[in-house]
Every structure is written in structure tokens, then in C-alpha cells.
Amino acid sequence: VSRNDQTRGYPLAFPAFTWEVRANDRNYHMQFKKKFAFCLTKKKYAGNAIKTAKYNVFTFVPLNLYEQFHRMANVYFVFVILLQTFPEISTLPWYTLLFPLSCLLTIRGLRDLIDDIGRHQSDRNINSRPCEILSGKSFHWQKWRDICVGDIVRLRKENFVPADMLLLCSSEPSSLCYVETADIDGETNLKFRQALLATHQELVSEESMAAFDGEVICEEPNSRMHSFTGTLEWRGETYSLDSERILLRGCKLRNTDVCYGLVIYAGFDSKIMRNCGKIKRKKTKLDCMMDRLVIIVSVVQTPPALVHLTWGCSQVFS
């Protein structure tokens, strides 16, 4: 679909998109903000660094305790300890019950801490992977976390794709590119992607890459792994884009010596990260059963306790 077709009155086959990516123009993307909580704002275009860990130095203790006290048994223990602080009804010193509860919370907290340290280490390893990013008129080795939307990245054989990218060209005939998606969908069969003929013919050197000023207009980041719709506007022409032109983060380059891509979605905006979702608190069937039992025990014990309290008060004041 060309601009001339638009002026002649032919309707475009694409809806109105709001995600605009300009090649080699970081300053353009940095000016956009979006609201995410009340009046707070953050960058519309995410960086490529990811964070899957749940805690940091400051949030570990409060968040972990908050999660642990979602277990009704822990809440019940605390309630019993509070009751034991009253000498009139106490049967045991309160600290004799506090000690086992503290041990239990500590052991579970250490287990969660070890798991989260592993996530931090994994995040550091992924964010520190090397890649070649076009800076100025040549490519320089940098890290995955340095990639921004609109950057042009050079990938070599056996490299993992660091972000969702539009394939611009490759060393293969007709700019074909073969990728393995085992880390995404478990399939080991190679899939091919192909660049647009226009970019395949024109982007033949680092100088032409540096001069590339195309603009991609597409759908907002989403979790649809096998769907992509958008357009590339370049040199007065508009080219339609689909999922066959896109390299997804997590794919591995196979049987292709070199390829070049324009970063469309980075970091948590990439499709694979959109599918990951937030880490949810794990709750086993045993935990669920214990919660129900604690609630039942509390409901059964509360009426006799209230009757006994009322009778005791009436004896005191009579």
C-alpha cells in the first residue's frame, strides 16, 4: 500500500496504530511518557533490561512476611500468642509459642531468599549478554540491557535474539533468516523469516544502515506470540508487516551467518515477557487444606470462648 493509494481514496487495510518506532532515533522515543499509577508516569518505551526477581534488599522482609501471613495457620499462631500475654487466661509463657513460629518463618524466608538470589543471578546473566548495536556509523559491542527501541542490532549465527525486532536484511539470498524457537514454544524445527524486498536491496552496508530512517507504526505491545500487524513507512512508501517479518526475543539464529534487525519491542514489552506475567505466590493443596481447617477450628472455638468470657465477666461483677 503506497501513499498514492491513500490519496486516491483506497481504504487502508490496517486499523489506527499508536506504537511508533523511528529507526536510529533514541531521542524521539525518550520524550514519550505514560501513566501507570495515580499521577505517576514512566517511559512509554521500555528499556531492554528485565527483572524477574521478587525482592530487593529493602522489600524482602516486609513482602516475605506479608506473603507468609497469607497462611491462616500463621495468623492463628499469632492470635494465640497474643492471648497468652494476658496472665488471667495464659496457660504457657507467650515466648514458648513465639520461638517455634519464629523458626518456621525464618526457614521459609531463607528458602524464598535462596530462590530469589537465583532469579537475580539469572537476570544479571541475561542482561549482560553481549550484542552488536549500531552507534553512529558503525556497530559496537554492548550488552542486552543497553538496547533501546529504534536501535539496529546485528546478530550472528547461534546468537539469541535480544528483543522483538523487524528483520531488515540478512546474509542469505532474498534476506531469508532461519530461527529456532525452542525457548518460546518448545519446537526444535527451524522456522524462516524474510525481510522486505526494499530493505533487502537498499540496506547493504553499515553506512546505509546508519542512514536508515524508516518508521514502523504498529500495534501496542501484547502477548500474542504468532500475531503482528503494522506498517513500515520509508522514502514515501508504506509497506505492510506481519509476523513473518519479525524476530522474537528468545529465538536462536540458525543456518544464517549475519542478520540485521530494528528493535520494535524491548524488555517487558516483548511478547515472550508479556506471556510470562507476574510471579504469583505459590500455594500447595496442603496449604489450602490447612487454611480451611484453621478457619473451621476458629469458627468452632469462637462461640464457646465468647460464652465463657461472658460467664466469667458476670461472675466477676456479681
C-alpha atoms as a PDB file:
ATOM      1  CA  VAL A   1       0.000   0.000   0.000  1.00  0.00           C
ATOM      2  CA  SER A   2       1.594   3.284  -1.070  1.00  0.00           C
ATOM      3  CA  ARG A   3       0.855   6.865  -0.090  1.00  0.00           C
ATOM      4  CA  ASN A   4      -0.534   7.459  -3.588  1.00  0.00           C
ATOM      5  CA  ASP A   5      -3.182   4.782  -2.932  1.00  0.00           C
ATOM      6  CA  GLN A   6      -4.164   6.575   0.258  1.00  0.00           C
ATOM      7  CA  THR A   7      -4.657   9.900  -1.518  1.00  0.00           C
ATOM      8  CA  ARG A   8      -6.788   8.243  -4.203  1.00  0.00           C
ATOM      9  CA  GLY A   9      -9.321   7.169  -1.599  1.00  0.00           C
ATOM     10  CA  TYR A  10      -8.444   3.488  -1.210  1.00  0.00           C
ATOM     11  CA  PRO A  11      -9.043   2.436   2.410  1.00  0.00           C
ATOM     12  CA  LEU A  12      -6.098   1.095   4.303  1.00  0.00           C
ATOM     13  CA  ALA A  13      -6.366  -2.487   5.489  1.00  0.00           C
ATOM     14  CA  PHE A  14      -4.912  -1.604   8.871  1.00  0.00           C
ATOM     15  CA  PRO A  15      -6.539  -0.046  11.946  1.00  0.00           C
ATOM     16  CA  ALA A  16      -5.132   3.017  13.650  1.00  0.00           C
ATOM     17  CA  PHE A  17      -1.947   2.047  15.488  1.00  0.00           C
ATOM     18  CA  THR A  18      -0.311   4.016  18.281  1.00  0.00           C
ATOM     19  CA  TRP A  19       3.106   2.359  18.598  1.00  0.00           C
ATOM     20  CA  GLU A  20       5.594   4.383  16.555  1.00  0.00           C
ATOM     21  CA  VAL A  21       9.214   3.341  16.179  1.00  0.00           C
ATOM     22  CA  ARG A  22      11.755   5.503  14.364  1.00  0.00           C
ATOM     23  CA  ALA A  23      14.996   3.900  13.332  1.00  0.00           C
ATOM     24  CA  ASN A  24      18.217   5.339  14.768  1.00  0.00           C
ATOM     25  CA  ASP A  25      16.393   7.979  16.818  1.00  0.00           C
ATOM     26  CA  ARG A  26      16.622   7.330  20.557  1.00  0.00           C
ATOM     27  CA  ASN A  27      15.726  10.901  21.493  1.00  0.00           C
ATOM     28  CA  TYR A  28      12.350  10.594  19.773  1.00  0.00           C
ATOM     29  CA  HIS A  29      11.319   7.645  21.947  1.00  0.00           C
ATOM     30  CA  MET A  30      12.641   9.083  25.216  1.00  0.00           C
ATOM     31  CA  GLN A  31      10.217  12.023  25.124  1.00  0.00           C
ATOM     32  CA  PHE A  32       7.098   9.872  25.499  1.00  0.00           C
ATOM     33  CA  LYS A  33       5.652   9.095  28.933  1.00  0.00           C
ATOM     34  CA  LYS A  34       2.636   7.145  30.149  1.00  0.00           C
ATOM     35  CA  LYS A  35       0.723   6.996  33.418  1.00  0.00           C
ATOM     36  CA  PHE A  36       0.919   3.813  35.457  1.00  0.00           C
ATOM     37  CA  ALA A  37      -0.307   4.712  38.961  1.00  0.00           C
ATOM     38  CA  PHE A  38      -2.341   7.739  40.010  1.00  0.00           C
ATOM     39  CA  CYS A  39      -0.369  10.723  38.680  1.00  0.00           C
ATOM     40  CA  LEU A  40       2.959   8.897  38.346  1.00  0.00           C
ATOM     41  CA  THR A  41       4.479   8.438  34.896  1.00  0.00           C
ATOM     42  CA  LYS A  42       7.127   6.273  33.311  1.00  0.00           C
ATOM     43  CA  LYS A  43       8.715   5.900  29.901  1.00  0.00           C
ATOM     44  CA  LYS A  44       6.343   4.628  27.238  1.00  0.00           C
ATOM     45  CA  TYR A  45       9.094   2.636  25.530  1.00  0.00           C
ATOM     46  CA  ALA A  46      10.668   0.178  27.960  1.00  0.00           C
ATOM     47  CA  GLY A  47      14.380  -0.487  28.145  1.00  0.00           C
ATOM     48  CA  ASN A  48      15.663  -3.963  27.381  1.00  0.00           C
ATOM     49  CA  ALA A  49      16.770  -4.859  30.912  1.00  0.00           C
ATOM     50  CA  ILE A  50      14.482  -7.352  32.633  1.00  0.00           C
ATOM     51  CA  LYS A  51      13.843  -8.123  36.280  1.00  0.00           C
ATOM     52  CA  THR A  52      12.100 -11.312  37.317  1.00  0.00           C
ATOM     53  CA  ALA A  53      13.199 -11.297  40.977  1.00  0.00           C
ATOM     54  CA  LYS A  54      10.511 -10.623  43.581  1.00  0.00           C
ATOM     55  CA  TYR A  55      12.536  -8.888  46.296  1.00  0.00           C
ATOM     56  CA  ASN A  56      15.362  -6.439  46.863  1.00  0.00           C
ATOM     57  CA  VAL A  57      17.324  -5.516  49.982  1.00  0.00           C
ATOM     58  CA  PHE A  58      14.623  -3.193  51.281  1.00  0.00           C
ATOM     59  CA  THR A  59      11.477  -5.130  50.361  1.00  0.00           C
ATOM     60  CA  PHE A  60      12.461  -8.682  51.296  1.00  0.00           C
ATOM     61  CA  VAL A  61      11.438  -8.636  54.981  1.00  0.00           C
ATOM     62  CA  PRO A  62       8.071  -6.816  54.676  1.00  0.00           C
ATOM     63  CA  LEU A  63       6.987  -8.560  51.470  1.00  0.00           C
ATOM     64  CA  ASN A  64       8.041 -12.005  52.637  1.00  0.00           C
ATOM     65  CA  LEU A  65       6.233 -11.589  55.957  1.00  0.00           C
ATOM     66  CA  TYR A  66       3.177 -10.305  54.114  1.00  0.00           C
ATOM     67  CA  GLU A  67       3.183 -13.429  51.936  1.00  0.00           C
ATOM     68  CA  GLN A  68       3.771 -15.782  54.856  1.00  0.00           C
ATOM     69  CA  PHE A  69       0.893 -14.337  56.843  1.00  0.00           C
ATOM     70  CA  HIS A  70      -1.423 -15.201  53.987  1.00  0.00           C
ATOM     71  CA  ARG A  71      -1.279 -18.646  55.560  1.00  0.00           C
ATOM     72  CA  MET A  72      -4.083 -18.819  58.093  1.00  0.00           C
ATOM     73  CA  ALA A  73      -2.064 -21.101  60.383  1.00  0.00           C
ATOM     74  CA  ASN A  74       0.486 -18.325  60.960  1.00  0.00           C
ATOM     75  CA  VAL A  75      -2.271 -15.807  61.708  1.00  0.00           C
ATOM     76  CA  TYR A  76      -3.840 -18.277  64.138  1.00  0.00           C
ATOM     77  CA  PHE A  77      -0.485 -18.768  65.913  1.00  0.00           C
ATOM     78  CA  VAL A  78      -0.034 -15.016  66.323  1.00  0.00           C
ATOM     79  CA  PHE A  79      -3.560 -14.679  67.729  1.00  0.00           C
ATOM     80  CA  VAL A  80      -2.873 -17.438  70.264  1.00  0.00           C
ATOM     81  CA  ILE A  81       0.425 -15.781  71.261  1.00  0.00           C
ATOM     82  CA  LEU A  82      -1.404 -12.503  71.868  1.00  0.00           C
ATOM     83  CA  LEU A  83      -3.905 -14.266  74.092  1.00  0.00           C
ATOM     84  CA  GLN A  84      -1.056 -15.836  76.079  1.00  0.00           C
ATOM     85  CA  THR A  85       0.197 -12.362  77.029  1.00  0.00           C
ATOM     86  CA  PHE A  86      -2.800 -11.998  79.391  1.00  0.00           C
ATOM     87  CA  PRO A  87      -1.860 -13.643  82.723  1.00  0.00           C
ATOM     88  CA  GLU A  88      -5.504 -14.321  83.630  1.00  0.00           C
ATOM     89  CA  ILE A  89      -6.018 -16.718  80.730  1.00  0.00           C
ATOM     90  CA  SER A  90      -2.447 -17.714  79.947  1.00  0.00           C
ATOM     91  CA  THR A  91      -1.566 -21.408  80.193  1.00  0.00           C
ATOM     92  CA  LEU A  92       2.009 -21.088  78.847  1.00  0.00           C
ATOM     93  CA  PRO A  93       4.584 -18.290  78.668  1.00  0.00           C
ATOM     94  CA  TRP A  94       3.987 -16.432  75.413  1.00  0.00           C
ATOM     95  CA  TYR A  95       7.607 -16.767  74.273  1.00  0.00           C
ATOM     96  CA  THR A  96       7.377 -20.572  74.241  1.00  0.00           C
ATOM     97  CA  LEU A  97       4.950 -20.235  71.326  1.00  0.00           C
ATOM     98  CA  LEU A  98       6.807 -17.354  69.672  1.00  0.00           C
ATOM     99  CA  PHE A  99      10.020 -19.392  69.312  1.00  0.00           C
ATOM    100  CA  PRO A 100       8.627 -22.182  67.048  1.00  0.00           C
ATOM    101  CA  LEU A 101       6.692 -19.637  64.959  1.00  0.00           C
ATOM    102  CA  SER A 102       9.856 -17.549  64.507  1.00  0.00           C
ATOM    103  CA  CYS A 103      11.808 -20.654  63.457  1.00  0.00           C
ATOM    104  CA  LEU A 104       9.146 -21.554  60.900  1.00  0.00           C
ATOM    105  CA  LEU A 105       9.042 -18.041  59.427  1.00  0.00           C
ATOM    106  CA  THR A 106      12.852 -17.913  59.289  1.00  0.00           C
ATOM    107  CA  ILE A 107      13.209 -21.266  57.495  1.00  0.00           C
ATOM    108  CA  ARG A 108      10.583 -20.368  54.905  1.00  0.00           C
ATOM    109  CA  GLY A 109      12.099 -16.918  54.496  1.00  0.00           C
ATOM    110  CA  LEU A 110      15.562 -18.386  53.848  1.00  0.00           C
ATOM    111  CA  ARG A 111      14.094 -20.730  51.244  1.00  0.00           C
ATOM    112  CA  ASP A 112      12.423 -17.802  49.450  1.00  0.00           C
ATOM    113  CA  LEU A 113      15.644 -15.788  49.706  1.00  0.00           C
ATOM    114  CA  ILE A 114      17.711 -18.530  48.062  1.00  0.00           C
ATOM    115  CA  ASP A 115      15.176 -18.837  45.233  1.00  0.00           C
ATOM    116  CA  ASP A 116      15.200 -15.080  44.682  1.00  0.00           C
ATOM    117  CA  ILE A 117      19.005 -14.875  44.670  1.00  0.00           C
ATOM    118  CA  GLY A 118      18.899 -17.387  41.814  1.00  0.00           C
ATOM    119  CA  ARG A 119      16.482 -15.127  39.933  1.00  0.00           C
ATOM    120  CA  HIS A 120      18.758 -12.114  40.469  1.00  0.00           C
ATOM    121  CA  GLN A 121      21.721 -14.080  39.114  1.00  0.00           C
ATOM    122  CA  SER A 122      19.722 -15.211  36.081  1.00  0.00           C
ATOM    123  CA  ASP A 123      18.612 -11.617  35.411  1.00  0.00           C
ATOM    124  CA  ARG A 124      22.207 -10.380  35.561  1.00  0.00           C
ATOM    125  CA  ASN A 125      23.405 -13.082  33.180  1.00  0.00           C
ATOM    126  CA  ILE A 126      20.677 -12.330  30.631  1.00  0.00           C
ATOM    127  CA  ASN A 127      21.004  -8.541  30.848  1.00  0.00           C
ATOM    128  CA  SER A 128      24.790  -8.808  30.444  1.00  0.00           C
ATOM    129  CA  ARG A 129      24.770 -10.894  27.265  1.00  0.00           C
ATOM    130  CA  PRO A 130      26.857  -9.211  24.534  1.00  0.00           C
ATOM    131  CA  CYS A 131      25.372  -7.872  21.315  1.00  0.00           C
ATOM    132  CA  GLU A 132      26.293  -5.528  18.474  1.00  0.00           C
ATOM    133  CA  ILE A 133      24.351  -2.255  18.371  1.00  0.00           C
ATOM    134  CA  LEU A 134      24.632   0.381  15.652  1.00  0.00           C
ATOM    135  CA  SER A 135      26.031   3.534  17.231  1.00  0.00           C
ATOM    136  CA  GLY A 136      26.887   6.376  14.891  1.00  0.00           C
ATOM    137  CA  LYS A 137      28.077   4.819  11.642  1.00  0.00           C
ATOM    138  CA  SER A 138      29.417   1.524  12.961  1.00  0.00           C
ATOM    139  CA  PHE A 139      28.454  -1.363  15.206  1.00  0.00           C
ATOM    140  CA  HIS A 140      29.835  -1.617  18.735  1.00  0.00           C
ATOM    141  CA  TRP A 141      29.728  -4.439  21.261  1.00  0.00           C
ATOM    142  CA  GLN A 142      27.405  -3.606  24.115  1.00  0.00           C
ATOM    143  CA  LYS A 143      25.109  -5.518  26.465  1.00  0.00           C
ATOM    144  CA  TRP A 144      21.479  -6.542  26.092  1.00  0.00           C
ATOM    145  CA  ARG A 145      20.435  -4.057  28.771  1.00  0.00           C
ATOM    146  CA  ASP A 146      21.795  -1.191  26.613  1.00  0.00           C
ATOM    147  CA  ILE A 147      19.405  -1.883  23.731  1.00  0.00           C
ATOM    148  CA  CYS A 148      16.645   0.678  23.151  1.00  0.00           C
ATOM    149  CA  VAL A 149      13.595   0.761  20.903  1.00  0.00           C
ATOM    150  CA  GLY A 150      14.644   2.001  17.449  1.00  0.00           C
ATOM    151  CA  ASP A 151      18.174   0.568  17.614  1.00  0.00           C
ATOM    152  CA  ILE A 152      19.558  -1.546  14.805  1.00  0.00           C
ATOM    153  CA  VAL A 153      21.180  -4.744  16.062  1.00  0.00           C
ATOM    154  CA  ARG A 154      23.484  -7.126  14.217  1.00  0.00           C
ATOM    155  CA  LEU A 155      23.082 -10.817  15.026  1.00  0.00           C
ATOM    156  CA  ARG A 156      25.387 -13.654  14.099  1.00  0.00           C
ATOM    157  CA  LYS A 157      24.881 -17.389  13.819  1.00  0.00           C
ATOM    158  CA  GLU A 158      23.935 -19.083  17.114  1.00  0.00           C
ATOM    159  CA  ASN A 159      23.079 -15.733  18.751  1.00  0.00           C
ATOM    160  CA  PHE A 160      19.862 -15.347  20.721  1.00  0.00           C
ATOM    161  CA  VAL A 161      17.543 -12.556  19.616  1.00  0.00           C
ATOM    162  CA  PRO A 162      17.690  -9.899  22.398  1.00  0.00           C
ATOM    163  CA  ALA A 163      14.386  -8.123  21.630  1.00  0.00           C
ATOM    164  CA  ASP A 164      11.425  -8.266  19.260  1.00  0.00           C
ATOM    165  CA  MET A 165      12.853  -6.943  16.010  1.00  0.00           C
ATOM    166  CA  LEU A 166      11.865  -6.233  12.441  1.00  0.00           C
ATOM    167  CA  LEU A 167      14.184  -8.207  10.159  1.00  0.00           C
ATOM    168  CA  LEU A 168      15.850  -5.713   7.804  1.00  0.00           C
ATOM    169  CA  CYS A 169      18.220  -7.957   5.867  1.00  0.00           C
ATOM    170  CA  SER A 170      20.472 -10.987   6.194  1.00  0.00           C
ATOM    171  CA  SER A 171      23.426 -12.660   4.522  1.00  0.00           C
ATOM    172  CA  GLU A 172      21.148 -15.308   2.966  1.00  0.00           C
ATOM    173  CA  PRO A 173      19.621 -14.976  -0.525  1.00  0.00           C
ATOM    174  CA  SER A 174      16.465 -12.825  -0.507  1.00  0.00           C
ATOM    175  CA  SER A 175      17.281 -11.989   3.137  1.00  0.00           C
ATOM    176  CA  LEU A 176      15.909 -15.229   4.499  1.00  0.00           C
ATOM    177  CA  CYS A 177      16.631 -15.928   8.143  1.00  0.00           C
ATOM    178  CA  TYR A 178      16.303 -19.237   9.988  1.00  0.00           C
ATOM    179  CA  VAL A 179      15.460 -19.282  13.686  1.00  0.00           C
ATOM    180  CA  GLU A 180      14.864 -21.882  16.362  1.00  0.00           C
ATOM    181  CA  THR A 181      12.006 -21.137  18.757  1.00  0.00           C
ATOM    182  CA  ALA A 182      12.602 -23.941  21.292  1.00  0.00           C
ATOM    183  CA  ASP A 183      12.834 -21.474  24.202  1.00  0.00           C
ATOM    184  CA  ILE A 184       9.469 -19.966  23.238  1.00  0.00           C
ATOM    185  CA  ASP A 185       7.209 -22.828  22.172  1.00  0.00           C
ATOM    186  CA  GLY A 186       9.402 -25.917  22.606  1.00  0.00           C
ATOM    187  CA  GLU A 187       9.608 -26.627  18.855  1.00  0.00           C
ATOM    188  CA  THR A 188      13.052 -27.535  17.528  1.00  0.00           C
ATOM    189  CA  ASN A 189      12.095 -27.335  13.851  1.00  0.00           C
ATOM    190  CA  LEU A 190      13.625 -24.309  12.191  1.00  0.00           C
ATOM    191  CA  LYS A 191      11.316 -21.511  11.068  1.00  0.00           C
ATOM    192  CA  PHE A 192      12.190 -18.969   8.428  1.00  0.00           C
ATOM    193  CA  ARG A 193      11.652 -15.238   8.403  1.00  0.00           C
ATOM    194  CA  GLN A 194      12.164 -12.936   5.454  1.00  0.00           C
ATOM    195  CA  ALA A 195      12.919  -9.231   5.201  1.00  0.00           C
ATOM    196  CA  LEU A 196      11.093  -6.828   2.931  1.00  0.00           C
ATOM    197  CA  LEU A 197      12.469  -6.607  -0.591  1.00  0.00           C
ATOM    198  CA  ALA A 198      13.001  -2.859  -0.199  1.00  0.00           C
ATOM    199  CA  THR A 199      15.230  -3.146   2.872  1.00  0.00           C
ATOM    200  CA  HIS A 200      16.965  -6.238   1.438  1.00  0.00           C
ATOM    201  CA  GLN A 201      18.039  -4.320  -1.660  1.00  0.00           C
ATOM    202  CA  GLU A 202      18.895  -0.975  -0.076  1.00  0.00           C
ATOM    203  CA  LEU A 203      20.493  -1.816   3.295  1.00  0.00           C
ATOM    204  CA  VAL A 204      23.712  -3.368   2.033  1.00  0.00           C
ATOM    205  CA  SER A 205      26.341  -1.618   4.195  1.00  0.00           C
ATOM    206  CA  GLU A 206      26.873  -0.097   7.620  1.00  0.00           C
ATOM    207  CA  GLU A 207      26.609   3.376   6.056  1.00  0.00           C
ATOM    208  CA  SER A 208      23.174   2.584   4.630  1.00  0.00           C
ATOM    209  CA  MET A 209      22.107   1.139   7.988  1.00  0.00           C
ATOM    210  CA  ALA A 210      23.181   4.337   9.745  1.00  0.00           C
ATOM    211  CA  ALA A 211      21.228   6.418   7.209  1.00  0.00           C
ATOM    212  CA  PHE A 212      18.087   4.279   7.520  1.00  0.00           C
ATOM    213  CA  ASP A 213      15.250   6.473   8.827  1.00  0.00           C
ATOM    214  CA  GLY A 214      12.223   4.257   8.361  1.00  0.00           C
ATOM    215  CA  GLU A 215       9.287   4.477  10.764  1.00  0.00           C
ATOM    216  CA  VAL A 216       7.326   1.450  11.949  1.00  0.00           C
ATOM    217  CA  ILE A 217       3.726   2.046  13.018  1.00  0.00           C
ATOM    218  CA  CYS A 218       2.183  -0.990  14.645  1.00  0.00           C
ATOM    219  CA  GLU A 219       0.046  -2.401  17.427  1.00  0.00           C
ATOM    220  CA  GLU A 220       0.793  -1.779  21.088  1.00  0.00           C
ATOM    221  CA  PRO A 221       2.848  -4.448  22.932  1.00  0.00           C
ATOM    222  CA  ASN A 222       0.784  -7.563  23.551  1.00  0.00           C
ATOM    223  CA  SER A 223       1.108 -11.265  24.378  1.00  0.00           C
ATOM    224  CA  ARG A 224       0.023 -12.689  21.006  1.00  0.00           C
ATOM    225  CA  MET A 225       3.118 -14.677  20.075  1.00  0.00           C
ATOM    226  CA  HIS A 226       2.151 -15.541  16.498  1.00  0.00           C
ATOM    227  CA  SER A 227       0.472 -12.316  15.508  1.00  0.00           C
ATOM    228  CA  PHE A 228       1.862  -8.958  14.412  1.00  0.00           C
ATOM    229  CA  THR A 229       0.347  -6.229  12.277  1.00  0.00           C
ATOM    230  CA  GLY A 230       1.909  -2.961  11.267  1.00  0.00           C
ATOM    231  CA  THR A 231       3.452  -0.880   8.508  1.00  0.00           C
ATOM    232  CA  LEU A 232       6.883   0.454   7.605  1.00  0.00           C
ATOM    233  CA  GLU A 233       6.974   3.958   6.171  1.00  0.00           C
ATOM    234  CA  TRP A 234      10.179   4.746   4.306  1.00  0.00           C
ATOM    235  CA  ARG A 235      11.066   7.027   1.415  1.00  0.00           C
ATOM    236  CA  GLY A 236       7.466   7.938   0.774  1.00  0.00           C
ATOM    237  CA  GLU A 237       6.248   4.349   0.563  1.00  0.00           C
ATOM    238  CA  THR A 238       4.279   2.250   3.038  1.00  0.00           C
ATOM    239  CA  TYR A 239       4.940  -1.487   3.367  1.00  0.00           C
ATOM    240  CA  SER A 240       2.744  -3.888   5.286  1.00  0.00           C
ATOM    241  CA  LEU A 241       4.314  -6.017   8.025  1.00  0.00           C
ATOM    242  CA  ASP A 242       3.230  -9.301   9.582  1.00  0.00           C
ATOM    243  CA  SER A 243       4.692 -11.920  11.905  1.00  0.00           C
ATOM    244  CA  GLU A 244       6.822 -13.386   9.077  1.00  0.00           C
ATOM    245  CA  ARG A 245       8.997 -10.245   9.223  1.00  0.00           C
ATOM    246  CA  ILE A 246       9.531 -10.306  12.986  1.00  0.00           C
ATOM    247  CA  LEU A 247      12.264 -11.957  15.073  1.00  0.00           C
ATOM    248  CA  LEU A 248      11.016 -12.591  18.607  1.00  0.00           C
ATOM    249  CA  ARG A 249      13.105 -12.268  21.735  1.00  0.00           C
ATOM    250  CA  GLY A 250      14.369 -15.687  22.833  1.00  0.00           C
ATOM    251  CA  CYS A 251      14.708 -17.135  19.326  1.00  0.00           C
ATOM    252  CA  LYS A 252      18.098 -18.505  18.286  1.00  0.00           C
ATOM    253  CA  LEU A 253      19.654 -17.681  14.921  1.00  0.00           C
ATOM    254  CA  ARG A 254      20.440 -20.833  12.918  1.00  0.00           C
ATOM    255  CA  ASN A 255      21.988 -21.512   9.491  1.00  0.00           C
ATOM    256  CA  THR A 256      22.322 -17.772   8.922  1.00  0.00           C
ATOM    257  CA  ASP A 257      25.700 -16.065   9.186  1.00  0.00           C
ATOM    258  CA  VAL A 258      24.533 -12.488   9.802  1.00  0.00           C
ATOM    259  CA  CYS A 259      21.244 -10.627  10.009  1.00  0.00           C
ATOM    260  CA  TYR A 260      20.168  -7.114  10.988  1.00  0.00           C
ATOM    261  CA  GLY A 261      17.056  -6.095  12.858  1.00  0.00           C
ATOM    262  CA  LEU A 262      15.237  -2.963  14.035  1.00  0.00           C
ATOM    263  CA  VAL A 263      14.103  -3.178  17.669  1.00  0.00           C
ATOM    264  CA  ILE A 264      10.304  -2.810  17.915  1.00  0.00           C
ATOM    265  CA  TYR A 265       9.562  -4.066  21.448  1.00  0.00           C
ATOM    266  CA  ALA A 266      12.220  -4.236  24.166  1.00  0.00           C
ATOM    267  CA  GLY A 267      12.365  -5.730  27.650  1.00  0.00           C
ATOM    268  CA  PHE A 268       8.990  -6.255  29.292  1.00  0.00           C
ATOM    269  CA  ASP A 269       7.226  -5.033  26.148  1.00  0.00           C
ATOM    270  CA  SER A 270       8.485  -8.052  24.178  1.00  0.00           C
ATOM    271  CA  LYS A 271       5.967 -10.798  23.511  1.00  0.00           C
ATOM    272  CA  ILE A 272       7.750 -13.506  25.497  1.00  0.00           C
ATOM    273  CA  MET A 273       7.935 -11.289  28.589  1.00  0.00           C
ATOM    274  CA  ARG A 274       4.273 -10.303  28.166  1.00  0.00           C
ATOM    275  CA  ASN A 275       3.448 -14.004  28.343  1.00  0.00           C
ATOM    276  CA  CYS A 276       5.489 -14.548  31.492  1.00  0.00           C
ATOM    277  CA  GLY A 277       3.231 -12.460  33.706  1.00  0.00           C
ATOM    278  CA  LYS A 278       3.950 -11.682  37.338  1.00  0.00           C
ATOM    279  CA  ILE A 279       5.344 -14.236  39.750  1.00  0.00           C
ATOM    280  CA  LYS A 280       2.436 -15.489  41.797  1.00  0.00           C
ATOM    281  CA  ARG A 281       2.588 -16.717  45.352  1.00  0.00           C
ATOM    282  CA  LYS A 282       2.699 -20.488  45.320  1.00  0.00           C
ATOM    283  CA  LYS A 283       0.122 -22.287  47.426  1.00  0.00           C
ATOM    284  CA  THR A 284       0.052 -26.070  47.607  1.00  0.00           C
ATOM    285  CA  LYS A 285      -3.037 -28.208  48.152  1.00  0.00           C
ATOM    286  CA  LEU A 286      -1.786 -28.883  51.663  1.00  0.00           C
ATOM    287  CA  ASP A 287      -1.648 -25.132  52.371  1.00  0.00           C
ATOM    288  CA  CYS A 288      -5.205 -24.711  51.094  1.00  0.00           C
ATOM    289  CA  MET A 289      -6.410 -27.597  53.244  1.00  0.00           C
ATOM    290  CA  MET A 290      -4.650 -26.195  56.323  1.00  0.00           C
ATOM    291  CA  ASP A 291      -6.246 -22.789  55.739  1.00  0.00           C
ATOM    292  CA  ARG A 292      -9.689 -24.360  55.619  1.00  0.00           C
ATOM    293  CA  LEU A 293      -9.033 -26.420  58.749  1.00  0.00           C
ATOM    294  CA  VAL A 294      -7.780 -23.373  60.685  1.00  0.00           C
ATOM    295  CA  ILE A 295     -10.883 -21.404  59.682  1.00  0.00           C
ATOM    296  CA  ILE A 296     -13.133 -24.295  60.761  1.00  0.00           C
ATOM    297  CA  VAL A 297     -11.322 -24.625  64.100  1.00  0.00           C
ATOM    298  CA  SER A 298     -11.586 -20.858  64.687  1.00  0.00           C
ATOM    299  CA  VAL A 299     -15.297 -20.831  63.873  1.00  0.00           C
ATOM    300  CA  VAL A 300     -15.952 -23.788  66.183  1.00  0.00           C
ATOM    301  CA  GLN A 301     -13.920 -22.353  69.077  1.00  0.00           C
ATOM    302  CA  THR A 302     -15.193 -18.779  68.953  1.00  0.00           C
ATOM    303  CA  PRO A 303     -18.768 -19.298  70.309  1.00  0.00           C
ATOM    304  CA  PRO A 304     -17.667 -21.351  73.400  1.00  0.00           C
ATOM    305  CA  ALA A 305     -14.943 -18.798  74.077  1.00  0.00           C
ATOM    306  CA  LEU A 306     -17.427 -15.927  73.951  1.00  0.00           C
ATOM    307  CA  VAL A 307     -19.851 -17.802  76.241  1.00  0.00           C
ATOM    308  CA  HIS A 308     -17.040 -18.491  78.710  1.00  0.00           C
ATOM    309  CA  LEU A 309     -15.925 -14.850  78.587  1.00  0.00           C
ATOM    310  CA  THR A 310     -19.452 -13.625  79.233  1.00  0.00           C
ATOM    311  CA  TRP A 311     -19.905 -16.033  82.148  1.00  0.00           C
ATOM    312  CA  GLY A 312     -16.552 -15.031  83.620  1.00  0.00           C
ATOM    313  CA  CYS A 313     -17.384 -11.353  83.445  1.00  0.00           C
ATOM    314  CA  SER A 314     -20.753 -11.906  85.075  1.00  0.00           C
ATOM    315  CA  GLN A 315     -19.070 -13.798  87.961  1.00  0.00           C
ATOM    316  CA  VAL A 316     -16.562 -11.005  88.481  1.00  0.00           C
ATOM    317  CA  PHE A 317     -19.133  -8.218  88.615  1.00  0.00           C
ATOM    318  CA  SER A 318     -21.788 -10.160  90.576  1.00  0.00           C
END
